[in-house]
Amino acid sequence: MPRIEGRIQVIRGLRVIIDADLAELYGVPTKALNQAVKRNAGRFPPDFMFQLDAPEKSEVVTNCDHLHKLKFSKALPFAFTEYGAVALANVLASAQAVEMGIYVVRAFVHLREALATNADVAKRLAELEMRTESLELSHDTFSRNTRLQLRQLLDAVRELTTPPDPPKRPIGFVHPEDKASKPSSSKAKGQKA
């Protein structure tokens, strides 16, 4: 018995099982399955089943090796959603169809849960990535600010440790008597007052 999850495909954005796969699972010929659907058309609205068009059929045959026989069929296959698979099990009403209908529903539910888990993991991974980028940016900003502050501190320390420039010698000739007779700036201010 093939794994049911492997028979579920996404077509038109819906998870579905092709009629040939359901017929095999339910133990009936595909022709009998499709006849039961036609006799009970009212039980199969568009959200329960739909018929594939030619390009979709070609894609299904290309992607699913086990459906290679569909390539030579003139009829376009039907695709059944989870609800359609249950309705079909009830229409067929054989013991195997009812039993397999339960397994098919469980497979759909299992697949849905797995996809939800993967979505949750993807969401958490995205959040972690955003946090990492945020930390990296704040770290870069902190490092830049720290380097700038450290550079300013080192410049200030260099300034304090550098000896002052020696007093400059006046330009021109200064006689030694002029130096002695020249009053200091504070005395000169006091004398003028």
N, C-alpha and C. Protein backbone atom coordinates (compact mmCIF):
# COMPACT_ATOMS: atom_id res chain seq x y z
N MET A 1 0.86 -1.18 0.00
CA MET A 1 0.00 0.00 0.00
C MET A 1 0.90 1.24 0.00
N PRO A 2 0.72 2.14 -0.96
CA PRO A 2 1.54 3.36 -1.02
C PRO A 2 1.19 4.31 0.12
N ARG A 3 2.13 5.15 0.48
CA ARG A 3 1.86 6.15 1.50
C ARG A 3 0.86 7.16 0.95
N ILE A 4 -0.14 7.46 1.74
CA ILE A 4 -1.20 8.36 1.29
C ILE A 4 -0.66 9.79 1.15
N GLU A 5 0.21 10.21 2.09
CA GLU A 5 0.76 11.57 2.03
C GLU A 5 1.47 11.83 0.70
N GLY A 6 2.09 10.79 0.15
CA GLY A 6 2.78 10.94 -1.13
C GLY A 6 1.84 11.12 -2.31
N ARG A 7 0.59 10.80 -2.14
CA ARG A 7 -0.40 10.94 -3.21
C ARG A 7 -1.09 12.31 -3.18
N ILE A 8 -0.92 13.04 -2.10
CA ILE A 8 -1.55 14.36 -1.99
C ILE A 8 -0.68 15.37 -2.73
N GLN A 9 -1.32 16.11 -3.62
CA GLN A 9 -0.62 17.10 -4.44
C GLN A 9 -1.28 18.46 -4.27
N VAL A 10 -0.57 19.50 -4.67
CA VAL A 10 -1.14 20.84 -4.64
C VAL A 10 -1.43 21.24 -6.08
N ILE A 11 -2.73 21.43 -6.36
CA ILE A 11 -3.17 21.87 -7.69
C ILE A 11 -4.17 23.00 -7.47
N ARG A 12 -3.97 24.10 -8.19
CA ARG A 12 -4.81 25.30 -8.05
C ARG A 12 -4.82 25.82 -6.61
N GLY A 13 -3.71 25.62 -5.95
CA GLY A 13 -3.58 26.11 -4.58
C GLY A 13 -4.28 25.25 -3.54
N LEU A 14 -4.82 24.09 -3.93
CA LEU A 14 -5.52 23.18 -3.02
C LEU A 14 -4.76 21.86 -2.93
N ARG A 15 -4.80 21.26 -1.76
CA ARG A 15 -4.23 19.92 -1.60
C ARG A 15 -5.29 18.91 -2.03
N VAL A 16 -4.95 18.09 -3.01
CA VAL A 16 -5.91 17.16 -3.61
C VAL A 16 -5.28 15.80 -3.85
N ILE A 17 -6.16 14.82 -4.11
CA ILE A 17 -5.75 13.49 -4.55
C ILE A 17 -6.45 13.23 -5.88
N ILE A 18 -5.71 12.72 -6.85
CA ILE A 18 -6.24 12.42 -8.18
C ILE A 18 -7.14 11.19 -8.10
N ASP A 19 -8.17 11.15 -8.96
CA ASP A 19 -9.16 10.06 -8.95
C ASP A 19 -8.53 8.67 -9.06
N ALA A 20 -7.49 8.53 -9.88
CA ALA A 20 -6.85 7.21 -10.05
C ALA A 20 -6.23 6.74 -8.73
N ASP A 21 -5.62 7.66 -7.97
CA ASP A 21 -5.04 7.31 -6.68
C ASP A 21 -6.13 6.93 -5.67
N LEU A 22 -7.22 7.70 -5.65
CA LEU A 22 -8.32 7.38 -4.73
C LEU A 22 -8.95 6.04 -5.08
N ALA A 23 -9.11 5.78 -6.37
CA ALA A 23 -9.70 4.50 -6.79
C ALA A 23 -8.84 3.34 -6.30
N GLU A 24 -7.51 3.48 -6.42
CA GLU A 24 -6.60 2.43 -5.95
C GLU A 24 -6.72 2.26 -4.43
N LEU A 25 -6.76 3.39 -3.71
CA LEU A 25 -6.87 3.32 -2.24
C LEU A 25 -8.20 2.72 -1.80
N TYR A 26 -9.27 3.06 -2.51
CA TYR A 26 -10.61 2.58 -2.12
C TYR A 26 -10.92 1.20 -2.69
N GLY A 27 -10.04 0.67 -3.53
CA GLY A 27 -10.21 -0.68 -4.06
C GLY A 27 -11.28 -0.80 -5.13
N VAL A 28 -11.45 0.23 -5.94
CA VAL A 28 -12.42 0.19 -7.04
C VAL A 28 -11.73 0.67 -8.31
N PRO A 29 -12.25 0.30 -9.48
CA PRO A 29 -11.68 0.84 -10.72
C PRO A 29 -11.98 2.34 -10.82
N THR A 30 -11.08 3.06 -11.48
CA THR A 30 -11.26 4.52 -11.64
C THR A 30 -12.57 4.82 -12.34
N LYS A 31 -12.93 4.00 -13.33
CA LYS A 31 -14.18 4.21 -14.08
C LYS A 31 -15.39 4.11 -13.14
N ALA A 32 -15.40 3.14 -12.25
CA ALA A 32 -16.51 2.96 -11.30
C ALA A 32 -16.57 4.15 -10.33
N LEU A 33 -15.41 4.62 -9.91
CA LEU A 33 -15.35 5.78 -9.01
C LEU A 33 -15.97 7.00 -9.68
N ASN A 34 -15.56 7.26 -10.92
CA ASN A 34 -16.08 8.43 -11.64
C ASN A 34 -17.58 8.31 -11.94
N GLN A 35 -18.05 7.10 -12.19
CA GLN A 35 -19.49 6.90 -12.40
C GLN A 35 -20.27 7.19 -11.13
N ALA A 36 -19.74 6.77 -9.99
CA ALA A 36 -20.40 7.05 -8.70
C ALA A 36 -20.45 8.55 -8.45
N VAL A 37 -19.41 9.26 -8.84
CA VAL A 37 -19.39 10.72 -8.68
C VAL A 37 -20.46 11.35 -9.57
N LYS A 38 -20.57 10.90 -10.82
CA LYS A 38 -21.57 11.47 -11.74
C LYS A 38 -22.99 11.20 -11.26
N ARG A 39 -23.22 10.01 -10.71
CA ARG A 39 -24.55 9.68 -10.19
C ARG A 39 -24.91 10.54 -8.98
N ASN A 40 -23.91 10.99 -8.24
CA ASN A 40 -24.13 11.77 -7.01
C ASN A 40 -23.49 13.16 -7.12
N ALA A 41 -23.66 13.79 -8.26
CA ALA A 41 -23.01 15.08 -8.54
C ALA A 41 -23.34 16.13 -7.48
N GLY A 42 -24.52 16.10 -6.90
CA GLY A 42 -24.92 17.08 -5.89
C GLY A 42 -24.08 17.01 -4.62
N ARG A 43 -23.43 15.90 -4.38
CA ARG A 43 -22.59 15.74 -3.19
C ARG A 43 -21.17 16.25 -3.38
N PHE A 44 -20.85 16.73 -4.59
CA PHE A 44 -19.48 17.14 -4.90
C PHE A 44 -19.43 18.56 -5.46
N PRO A 45 -19.59 19.57 -4.58
CA PRO A 45 -19.47 20.96 -5.03
C PRO A 45 -18.02 21.26 -5.43
N PRO A 46 -17.76 22.42 -6.03
CA PRO A 46 -16.41 22.76 -6.52
C PRO A 46 -15.31 22.74 -5.45
N ASP A 47 -15.66 22.96 -4.17
CA ASP A 47 -14.61 22.91 -3.15
C ASP A 47 -14.34 21.47 -2.69
N PHE A 48 -15.11 20.50 -3.20
CA PHE A 48 -14.88 19.08 -2.91
C PHE A 48 -14.08 18.41 -4.02
N MET A 49 -14.30 18.81 -5.26
CA MET A 49 -13.60 18.21 -6.39
C MET A 49 -13.67 19.12 -7.61
N PHE A 50 -12.77 18.92 -8.53
CA PHE A 50 -12.78 19.63 -9.82
C PHE A 50 -12.05 18.77 -10.83
N GLN A 51 -12.33 19.06 -12.12
CA GLN A 51 -11.69 18.30 -13.19
C GLN A 51 -10.47 19.07 -13.67
N LEU A 52 -9.36 18.37 -13.85
CA LEU A 52 -8.14 19.00 -14.32
C LEU A 52 -8.28 19.39 -15.78
N ASP A 53 -7.57 20.45 -16.18
CA ASP A 53 -7.53 20.78 -17.60
C ASP A 53 -6.30 20.09 -18.20
N ALA A 54 -6.14 20.19 -19.51
CA ALA A 54 -5.06 19.45 -20.20
C ALA A 54 -3.67 19.80 -19.68
N PRO A 55 -3.34 21.10 -19.51
CA PRO A 55 -2.00 21.40 -18.98
C PRO A 55 -1.78 20.85 -17.56
N GLU A 56 -2.81 20.90 -16.72
CA GLU A 56 -2.68 20.36 -15.36
C GLU A 56 -2.47 18.85 -15.41
N LYS A 57 -3.20 18.18 -16.29
CA LYS A 57 -3.04 16.72 -16.45
C LYS A 57 -1.61 16.40 -16.88
N SER A 58 -1.12 17.16 -17.84
CA SER A 58 0.24 16.94 -18.33
C SER A 58 1.27 17.13 -17.21
N GLU A 59 1.06 18.15 -16.38
CA GLU A 59 1.98 18.41 -15.27
C GLU A 59 1.93 17.29 -14.24
N VAL A 60 0.73 16.80 -13.94
CA VAL A 60 0.57 15.71 -12.98
C VAL A 60 1.28 14.46 -13.49
N VAL A 61 1.10 14.15 -14.76
CA VAL A 61 1.73 12.95 -15.34
C VAL A 61 3.26 13.10 -15.31
N THR A 62 3.73 14.32 -15.58
CA THR A 62 5.18 14.56 -15.58
C THR A 62 5.76 14.43 -14.17
N ASN A 63 5.05 14.96 -13.18
CA ASN A 63 5.57 14.98 -11.80
C ASN A 63 5.36 13.68 -11.03
N CYS A 64 4.39 12.88 -11.44
CA CYS A 64 4.06 11.66 -10.69
C CYS A 64 4.26 10.44 -11.57
N ASP A 65 5.34 9.73 -11.33
CA ASP A 65 5.65 8.55 -12.14
C ASP A 65 4.56 7.48 -12.05
N HIS A 66 3.94 7.35 -10.89
CA HIS A 66 2.94 6.29 -10.72
C HIS A 66 1.65 6.57 -11.52
N LEU A 67 1.50 7.78 -12.04
CA LEU A 67 0.31 8.12 -12.83
C LEU A 67 0.62 8.16 -14.34
N HIS A 68 1.65 7.45 -14.76
CA HIS A 68 2.05 7.46 -16.17
C HIS A 68 0.95 6.95 -17.11
N LYS A 69 0.03 6.10 -16.61
CA LYS A 69 -1.05 5.58 -17.45
C LYS A 69 -2.02 6.68 -17.87
N LEU A 70 -2.11 7.74 -17.07
CA LEU A 70 -3.00 8.86 -17.41
C LEU A 70 -2.57 9.56 -18.70
N LYS A 71 -1.31 9.44 -19.04
CA LYS A 71 -0.78 10.10 -20.23
C LYS A 71 -1.52 9.65 -21.49
N PHE A 72 -1.94 8.41 -21.52
CA PHE A 72 -2.58 7.86 -22.72
C PHE A 72 -4.11 7.92 -22.66
N SER A 73 -4.65 8.37 -21.53
CA SER A 73 -6.11 8.46 -21.38
C SER A 73 -6.62 9.75 -22.02
N LYS A 74 -7.75 9.65 -22.73
CA LYS A 74 -8.34 10.84 -23.35
C LYS A 74 -9.11 11.65 -22.31
N ALA A 75 -9.59 11.00 -21.26
CA ALA A 75 -10.39 11.68 -20.23
C ALA A 75 -9.48 12.49 -19.31
N LEU A 76 -9.99 13.64 -18.90
CA LEU A 76 -9.26 14.46 -17.94
C LEU A 76 -9.62 13.97 -16.53
N PRO A 77 -8.62 13.77 -15.69
CA PRO A 77 -8.89 13.22 -14.35
C PRO A 77 -9.54 14.25 -13.42
N PHE A 78 -10.15 13.75 -12.36
CA PHE A 78 -10.74 14.59 -11.33
C PHE A 78 -9.77 14.66 -10.16
N ALA A 79 -9.79 15.78 -9.47
CA ALA A 79 -8.99 15.97 -8.27
C ALA A 79 -9.95 16.19 -7.10
N PHE A 80 -9.71 15.48 -6.00
CA PHE A 80 -10.60 15.53 -4.84
C PHE A 80 -9.86 16.16 -3.66
N THR A 81 -10.52 17.13 -3.03
CA THR A 81 -9.98 17.72 -1.81
C THR A 81 -10.26 16.76 -0.66
N GLU A 82 -9.86 17.15 0.53
CA GLU A 82 -10.09 16.33 1.72
C GLU A 82 -11.59 16.04 1.88
N TYR A 83 -12.41 17.06 1.67
CA TYR A 83 -13.87 16.88 1.82
C TYR A 83 -14.43 15.97 0.73
N GLY A 84 -13.90 16.11 -0.47
CA GLY A 84 -14.34 15.27 -1.57
C GLY A 84 -13.99 13.81 -1.35
N ALA A 85 -12.80 13.57 -0.76
CA ALA A 85 -12.38 12.19 -0.48
C ALA A 85 -13.32 11.54 0.53
N VAL A 86 -13.76 12.30 1.54
CA VAL A 86 -14.70 11.77 2.54
C VAL A 86 -16.06 11.51 1.89
N ALA A 87 -16.54 12.48 1.10
CA ALA A 87 -17.83 12.31 0.43
C ALA A 87 -17.79 11.11 -0.50
N LEU A 88 -16.67 10.92 -1.18
CA LEU A 88 -16.54 9.78 -2.09
C LEU A 88 -16.55 8.46 -1.33
N ALA A 89 -15.90 8.41 -0.18
CA ALA A 89 -15.92 7.18 0.64
C ALA A 89 -17.34 6.85 1.05
N ASN A 90 -18.13 7.87 1.38
CA ASN A 90 -19.52 7.65 1.77
C ASN A 90 -20.38 7.21 0.59
N VAL A 91 -20.09 7.73 -0.60
CA VAL A 91 -20.86 7.35 -1.80
C VAL A 91 -20.56 5.91 -2.18
N LEU A 92 -19.28 5.54 -2.13
CA LEU A 92 -18.91 4.18 -2.52
C LEU A 92 -19.41 3.16 -1.49
N ALA A 93 -19.39 3.52 -0.23
CA ALA A 93 -19.96 2.74 0.88
C ALA A 93 -19.42 1.33 1.04
N SER A 94 -18.33 0.99 0.40
CA SER A 94 -17.73 -0.33 0.66
C SER A 94 -16.91 -0.23 1.95
N ALA A 95 -16.68 -1.34 2.57
CA ALA A 95 -15.93 -1.34 3.84
C ALA A 95 -14.53 -0.77 3.64
N GLN A 96 -13.88 -1.15 2.54
CA GLN A 96 -12.53 -0.66 2.27
C GLN A 96 -12.56 0.84 2.01
N ALA A 97 -13.56 1.33 1.28
CA ALA A 97 -13.65 2.76 0.99
C ALA A 97 -13.84 3.56 2.27
N VAL A 98 -14.68 3.10 3.16
CA VAL A 98 -14.92 3.81 4.42
C VAL A 98 -13.65 3.81 5.27
N GLU A 99 -13.00 2.65 5.36
CA GLU A 99 -11.77 2.55 6.15
C GLU A 99 -10.67 3.43 5.56
N MET A 100 -10.50 3.37 4.26
CA MET A 100 -9.46 4.17 3.62
C MET A 100 -9.80 5.66 3.66
N GLY A 101 -11.09 5.99 3.63
CA GLY A 101 -11.51 7.39 3.75
C GLY A 101 -11.01 8.01 5.04
N ILE A 102 -11.06 7.22 6.11
CA ILE A 102 -10.55 7.69 7.41
C ILE A 102 -9.05 7.94 7.32
N TYR A 103 -8.32 7.02 6.70
CA TYR A 103 -6.88 7.18 6.56
C TYR A 103 -6.54 8.38 5.67
N VAL A 104 -7.32 8.59 4.64
CA VAL A 104 -7.08 9.73 3.74
C VAL A 104 -7.27 11.04 4.51
N VAL A 105 -8.34 11.13 5.28
CA VAL A 105 -8.58 12.34 6.07
C VAL A 105 -7.44 12.57 7.06
N ARG A 106 -7.01 11.50 7.71
CA ARG A 106 -5.88 11.63 8.64
C ARG A 106 -4.61 12.09 7.93
N ALA A 107 -4.43 11.61 6.72
CA ALA A 107 -3.25 12.04 5.95
C ALA A 107 -3.32 13.53 5.63
N PHE A 108 -4.50 14.00 5.24
CA PHE A 108 -4.68 15.43 4.98
C PHE A 108 -4.40 16.24 6.25
N VAL A 109 -4.95 15.79 7.37
CA VAL A 109 -4.76 16.49 8.65
C VAL A 109 -3.27 16.49 9.03
N HIS A 110 -2.62 15.34 8.88
CA HIS A 110 -1.20 15.23 9.20
C HIS A 110 -0.38 16.20 8.34
N LEU A 111 -0.70 16.25 7.06
CA LEU A 111 0.00 17.15 6.15
C LEU A 111 -0.23 18.61 6.55
N ARG A 112 -1.46 18.95 6.92
CA ARG A 112 -1.79 20.31 7.34
C ARG A 112 -0.99 20.68 8.60
N GLU A 113 -0.91 19.75 9.55
CA GLU A 113 -0.15 20.00 10.78
C GLU A 113 1.34 20.17 10.48
N ALA A 114 1.85 19.35 9.58
CA ALA A 114 3.27 19.45 9.22
C ALA A 114 3.56 20.81 8.57
N LEU A 115 2.66 21.25 7.71
CA LEU A 115 2.85 22.55 7.07
C LEU A 115 2.76 23.67 8.10
N ALA A 116 1.84 23.55 9.07
CA ALA A 116 1.72 24.57 10.12
C ALA A 116 2.99 24.60 10.97
N THR A 117 3.54 23.43 11.27
CA THR A 117 4.78 23.36 12.04
C THR A 117 5.92 24.00 11.28
N ASN A 118 6.01 23.71 9.98
CA ASN A 118 7.06 24.32 9.16
C ASN A 118 6.89 25.83 9.09
N ALA A 119 5.65 26.30 9.01
CA ALA A 119 5.41 27.74 8.98
C ALA A 119 5.83 28.37 10.30
N ASP A 120 5.57 27.67 11.42
CA ASP A 120 5.95 28.18 12.73
C ASP A 120 7.48 28.24 12.85
N VAL A 121 8.15 27.21 12.37
CA VAL A 121 9.61 27.19 12.40
C VAL A 121 10.17 28.31 11.53
N ALA A 122 9.58 28.51 10.36
CA ALA A 122 10.04 29.59 9.47
C ALA A 122 9.84 30.95 10.12
N LYS A 123 8.72 31.13 10.81
CA LYS A 123 8.45 32.40 11.49
C LYS A 123 9.47 32.63 12.60
N ARG A 124 9.74 31.59 13.39
CA ARG A 124 10.73 31.73 14.46
C ARG A 124 12.12 32.00 13.91
N LEU A 125 12.46 31.37 12.81
CA LEU A 125 13.76 31.59 12.19
C LEU A 125 13.88 33.04 11.71
N ALA A 126 12.81 33.57 11.13
CA ALA A 126 12.81 34.96 10.67
C ALA A 126 12.98 35.92 11.85
N GLU A 127 12.28 35.63 12.97
CA GLU A 127 12.42 36.47 14.16
C GLU A 127 13.85 36.43 14.69
N LEU A 128 14.45 35.25 14.71
CA LEU A 128 15.82 35.11 15.18
C LEU A 128 16.78 35.87 14.28
N GLU A 129 16.55 35.80 12.99
CA GLU A 129 17.39 36.51 12.04
C GLU A 129 17.29 38.03 12.25
N MET A 130 16.07 38.52 12.51
CA MET A 130 15.88 39.95 12.75
C MET A 130 16.60 40.37 14.03
N ARG A 131 16.48 39.54 15.09
CA ARG A 131 17.17 39.86 16.34
C ARG A 131 18.68 39.90 16.14
N THR A 132 19.20 38.94 15.39
CA THR A 132 20.64 38.88 15.13
C THR A 132 21.10 40.13 14.39
N GLU A 133 20.33 40.52 13.37
CA GLU A 133 20.69 41.72 12.62
C GLU A 133 20.62 42.95 13.51
N SER A 134 19.62 43.01 14.37
CA SER A 134 19.49 44.14 15.30
C SER A 134 20.68 44.20 16.25
N LEU A 135 21.06 43.03 16.80
CA LEU A 135 22.22 42.99 17.69
C LEU A 135 23.49 43.39 16.95
N GLU A 136 23.60 42.93 15.72
CA GLU A 136 24.78 43.26 14.93
C GLU A 136 24.86 44.76 14.69
N LEU A 137 23.72 45.37 14.35
CA LEU A 137 23.69 46.81 14.12
C LEU A 137 24.01 47.57 15.40
N SER A 138 23.42 47.15 16.52
CA SER A 138 23.69 47.85 17.78
C SER A 138 25.14 47.63 18.19
N HIS A 139 25.67 46.44 17.93
CA HIS A 139 27.07 46.17 18.24
C HIS A 139 27.98 47.05 17.39
N ASP A 140 27.67 47.16 16.09
CA ASP A 140 28.47 48.02 15.21
C ASP A 140 28.41 49.46 15.68
N THR A 141 27.22 49.94 16.04
CA THR A 141 27.07 51.31 16.52
C THR A 141 27.84 51.48 17.82
N PHE A 142 27.71 50.52 18.73
CA PHE A 142 28.43 50.58 20.01
C PHE A 142 29.93 50.59 19.76
N SER A 143 30.41 49.72 18.87
CA SER A 143 31.84 49.65 18.56
C SER A 143 32.33 50.97 17.97
N ARG A 144 31.56 51.52 17.04
CA ARG A 144 31.93 52.78 16.41
C ARG A 144 32.00 53.89 17.47
N ASN A 145 30.97 53.97 18.32
CA ASN A 145 30.95 54.99 19.37
C ASN A 145 32.10 54.78 20.35
N THR A 146 32.35 53.53 20.72
CA THR A 146 33.44 53.24 21.65
C THR A 146 34.78 53.63 21.04
N ARG A 147 35.01 53.30 19.79
CA ARG A 147 36.27 53.67 19.13
C ARG A 147 36.43 55.18 19.08
N LEU A 148 35.36 55.89 18.79
CA LEU A 148 35.40 57.35 18.73
C LEU A 148 35.73 57.93 20.11
N GLN A 149 35.06 57.42 21.15
CA GLN A 149 35.31 57.91 22.50
C GLN A 149 36.73 57.57 22.95
N LEU A 150 37.19 56.39 22.62
CA LEU A 150 38.55 56.00 22.97
C LEU A 150 39.58 56.89 22.26
N ARG A 151 39.33 57.19 21.00
CA ARG A 151 40.23 58.07 20.25
C ARG A 151 40.28 59.47 20.89
N GLN A 152 39.09 59.98 21.30
CA GLN A 152 39.04 61.29 21.95
C GLN A 152 39.80 61.26 23.28
N LEU A 153 39.65 60.18 24.04
CA LEU A 153 40.33 60.04 25.31
C LEU A 153 41.84 60.00 25.11
N LEU A 154 42.31 59.22 24.14
CA LEU A 154 43.74 59.14 23.85
C LEU A 154 44.29 60.49 23.40
N ASP A 155 43.53 61.21 22.58
CA ASP A 155 43.97 62.55 22.15
C ASP A 155 44.12 63.48 23.35
N ALA A 156 43.15 63.41 24.29
CA ALA A 156 43.21 64.26 25.49
C ALA A 156 44.41 63.88 26.35
N VAL A 157 44.68 62.56 26.52
CA VAL A 157 45.83 62.12 27.30
C VAL A 157 47.12 62.56 26.64
N ARG A 158 47.23 62.46 25.34
CA ARG A 158 48.42 62.91 24.61
C ARG A 158 48.64 64.40 24.83
N GLU A 159 47.56 65.14 24.79
CA GLU A 159 47.64 66.58 24.98
C GLU A 159 48.19 66.91 26.38
N LEU A 160 47.72 66.16 27.38
CA LEU A 160 48.17 66.41 28.75
C LEU A 160 49.60 65.96 28.98
N THR A 161 50.02 64.91 28.30
CA THR A 161 51.37 64.39 28.51
C THR A 161 52.42 65.06 27.63
N THR A 162 52.02 65.83 26.67
CA THR A 162 52.97 66.52 25.80
C THR A 162 53.49 67.75 26.56
N PRO A 163 54.83 67.90 26.64
CA PRO A 163 55.35 69.08 27.34
C PRO A 163 54.96 70.36 26.59
N PRO A 164 54.75 71.44 27.34
CA PRO A 164 54.39 72.69 26.67
C PRO A 164 55.53 73.17 25.79
N ASP A 165 55.20 73.91 24.79
CA ASP A 165 56.21 74.46 23.88
C ASP A 165 57.07 75.46 24.66
N PRO A 166 58.37 75.46 24.40
CA PRO A 166 59.22 76.44 25.10
C PRO A 166 58.81 77.86 24.70
N PRO A 167 59.03 78.83 25.61
CA PRO A 167 58.64 80.21 25.26
C PRO A 167 59.40 80.66 24.02
N LYS A 168 58.76 81.40 23.21
CA LYS A 168 59.38 81.86 21.97
C LYS A 168 60.24 83.07 22.25
N ARG A 169 61.32 83.08 21.60
CA ARG A 169 62.23 84.20 21.72
C ARG A 169 61.73 85.33 20.84
N PRO A 170 61.71 86.55 21.35
CA PRO A 170 61.23 87.66 20.51
C PRO A 170 62.14 87.86 19.31
N ILE A 171 61.55 88.34 18.28
CA ILE A 171 62.29 88.59 17.05
C ILE A 171 63.02 89.93 17.21
N GLY A 172 64.22 89.98 16.72
CA GLY A 172 65.00 91.22 16.77
C GLY A 172 65.96 91.25 17.96
N PHE A 173 66.63 92.42 18.12
CA PHE A 173 67.62 92.56 19.17
C PHE A 173 66.95 93.11 20.42
N VAL A 174 67.22 92.46 21.53
CA VAL A 174 66.72 92.95 22.81
C VAL A 174 67.95 93.14 23.71
N HIS A 175 68.11 94.36 24.19
CA HIS A 175 69.26 94.67 25.03
C HIS A 175 68.98 94.16 26.43
N PRO A 176 69.99 93.64 27.13
CA PRO A 176 69.76 93.11 28.46
C PRO A 176 69.19 94.16 29.42
N GLU A 177 69.55 95.44 29.27
CA GLU A 177 69.00 96.47 30.13
C GLU A 177 67.51 96.66 29.89
N ASP A 178 67.07 96.48 28.63
CA ASP A 178 65.65 96.64 28.30
C ASP A 178 64.83 95.55 28.99
N LYS A 179 65.43 94.40 29.11
CA LYS A 179 64.72 93.31 29.77
C LYS A 179 64.52 93.63 31.25
N ALA A 180 65.57 94.20 31.89
CA ALA A 180 65.50 94.48 33.32
C ALA A 180 64.61 95.68 33.61
N SER A 181 64.64 96.70 32.75
CA SER A 181 63.86 97.90 33.00
C SER A 181 62.41 97.77 32.59
N LYS A 182 62.11 96.80 31.81
CA LYS A 182 60.73 96.61 31.34
C LYS A 182 59.87 96.17 32.51
N PRO A 183 58.83 96.94 32.86
CA PRO A 183 58.00 96.54 33.98
C PRO A 183 57.12 95.37 33.60
N SER A 184 56.80 94.58 34.60
CA SER A 184 55.90 93.47 34.34
C SER A 184 54.52 94.01 34.06
N SER A 185 53.69 93.24 33.42
CA SER A 185 52.37 93.71 32.99
C SER A 185 51.50 94.10 34.17
N SER A 186 51.59 93.42 35.30
CA SER A 186 50.75 93.78 36.45
C SER A 186 51.22 95.07 37.10
N LYS A 187 52.55 95.30 37.14
CA LYS A 187 53.05 96.54 37.71
C LYS A 187 52.69 97.71 36.83
N ALA A 188 52.75 97.47 35.53
CA ALA A 188 52.46 98.55 34.60
C ALA A 188 51.01 98.96 34.73
N LYS A 189 50.15 98.02 34.92
CA LYS A 189 48.73 98.33 35.07
C LYS A 189 48.50 99.10 36.37
N GLY A 190 49.23 98.70 37.44
CA GLY A 190 49.08 99.37 38.71
C GLY A 190 49.58 100.81 38.67
N GLN A 191 50.61 101.07 37.90
CA GLN A 191 51.19 102.42 37.81
C GLN A 191 50.28 103.33 37.03
N LYS A 192 49.64 102.84 36.01
CA LYS A 192 48.77 103.68 35.19
C LYS A 192 47.54 104.08 35.96
N ALA A 193 47.10 103.31 36.84
CA ALA A 193 45.88 103.59 37.57
C ALA A 193 46.12 104.61 38.57
